[in-house]
Amino acid sequence: MSYSESSPTLPDEAAAATAILSLAAAEEAGATVSPHAVAQMLLPPPAEWQRALPLVRRAAVRLALDGRLMIYRKGKPVDPSDFRGVYRLGLPQDG
């Protein structure tokens, strides 16, 4: 599939980080958000929001390395520098 010039421009990493933190803050304490939800916030359907997933991952890793976000896999925190597969995003818990 080719992309036309009318395809939405991919946001930058700062926009992805803002979207991640915004969605995570809107959740109840301890709840997580899907990277897909963040990508769809950045490129709402019917745009090809899947193109934003690598950007969301990079922003999530940077936020996690800065201590501002937790990345979870199968409900457990993972090393942001070394994880694979399906993951979720959440704010760090106090205590």
Protein backbone atom coordinates (compact mmCIF):
# COMPACT_ATOMS: atom_id res chain seq x y z
CA MET A 1 0.00 0.00 0.00
CA SER A 2 1.38 3.40 -0.89
CA TYR A 3 0.85 6.55 1.13
CA SER A 4 -0.58 9.56 -0.58
CA GLU A 5 0.47 13.12 0.05
CA SER A 6 -2.82 13.59 1.88
CA SER A 7 -1.79 11.10 4.60
CA PRO A 8 -1.55 12.80 7.97
CA THR A 9 1.93 13.78 9.07
CA LEU A 10 3.37 11.59 11.79
CA PRO A 11 3.64 13.56 15.05
CA ASP A 12 6.97 13.93 16.83
CA GLU A 13 8.18 12.09 19.93
CA ALA A 14 7.25 15.00 22.22
CA ALA A 15 3.63 14.79 21.04
CA ALA A 16 3.67 11.04 21.64
CA ALA A 17 5.05 11.52 25.17
CA THR A 18 2.36 14.11 25.91
CA ALA A 19 -0.36 11.77 24.63
CA ILE A 20 0.98 8.85 26.69
CA LEU A 21 1.09 10.88 29.91
CA SER A 22 -2.34 12.40 29.23
CA LEU A 23 -4.03 9.05 28.68
CA ALA A 24 -2.22 7.43 31.62
CA ALA A 25 -3.20 10.29 33.95
CA ALA A 26 -6.85 9.91 32.93
CA GLU A 27 -6.88 6.29 34.11
CA GLU A 28 -7.64 5.18 37.65
CA ALA A 29 -4.63 4.55 39.88
CA GLY A 30 -2.96 1.31 38.86
CA ALA A 31 -4.71 1.11 35.48
CA THR A 32 -2.74 0.94 32.24
CA VAL A 33 -3.26 2.12 28.69
CA SER A 34 -2.68 0.41 25.41
CA PRO A 35 -0.07 1.73 22.97
CA HIS A 36 -2.81 1.36 20.34
CA ALA A 37 -4.97 3.91 22.18
CA VAL A 38 -2.06 6.36 22.19
CA ALA A 39 -1.40 5.80 18.47
CA GLN A 40 -5.09 6.36 17.71
CA MET A 41 -4.99 9.59 19.71
CA LEU A 42 -2.05 10.77 17.59
CA LEU A 43 -3.48 9.64 14.24
CA PRO A 44 -7.23 9.17 14.73
CA PRO A 45 -9.00 6.67 12.48
CA PRO A 46 -9.50 6.49 9.58
CA ALA A 47 -5.82 7.53 9.42
CA GLU A 48 -3.29 4.72 9.38
CA TRP A 49 -2.67 5.03 13.13
CA GLN A 50 -0.49 1.89 13.12
CA ARG A 51 2.28 4.04 11.62
CA ALA A 52 2.50 5.82 15.00
CA LEU A 53 3.19 2.64 17.02
CA PRO A 54 7.02 2.75 16.68
CA LEU A 55 6.92 6.41 17.75
CA VAL A 56 4.76 5.55 20.77
CA ARG A 57 7.20 2.81 21.77
CA ARG A 58 10.22 5.15 21.52
CA ALA A 59 8.47 7.81 23.58
CA ALA A 60 7.36 5.23 26.17
CA VAL A 61 10.89 3.88 26.55
CA ARG A 62 12.29 7.39 27.00
CA LEU A 63 9.64 8.24 29.61
CA ALA A 64 10.29 4.95 31.43
CA LEU A 65 14.04 5.52 31.47
CA ASP A 66 13.34 8.98 32.95
CA GLY A 67 11.19 7.37 35.68
CA ARG A 68 7.97 9.04 34.50
CA LEU A 69 6.27 5.89 33.15
CA MET A 70 6.14 2.15 33.73
CA ILE A 71 6.03 -0.38 30.92
CA TYR A 72 4.19 -3.61 31.74
CA ARG A 73 4.16 -6.99 30.07
CA LYS A 74 1.73 -9.62 31.36
CA GLY A 75 0.92 -7.30 34.26
CA LYS A 76 4.50 -7.01 35.50
CA PRO A 77 6.94 -4.09 35.10
CA VAL A 78 9.65 -4.72 32.52
CA ASP A 79 13.05 -3.26 31.76
CA PRO A 80 12.33 -0.45 29.27
CA SER A 81 15.59 -1.20 27.48
CA ASP A 82 14.79 -4.88 26.93
CA PHE A 83 11.20 -6.01 26.32
CA ARG A 84 9.30 -7.60 23.47
CA GLY A 85 5.76 -8.30 22.47
CA VAL A 86 2.51 -6.90 23.76
CA TYR A 87 2.91 -4.24 26.44
CA ARG A 88 0.87 -1.68 28.39
CA LEU A 89 1.74 1.72 29.84
CA GLY A 90 1.05 3.16 33.26
CA LEU A 91 2.17 5.85 35.65
CA PRO A 92 4.60 4.87 38.43
CA GLN A 93 2.83 4.04 41.68
CA ASP A 94 3.73 6.00 44.81
CA GLY A 95 5.42 3.86 47.43
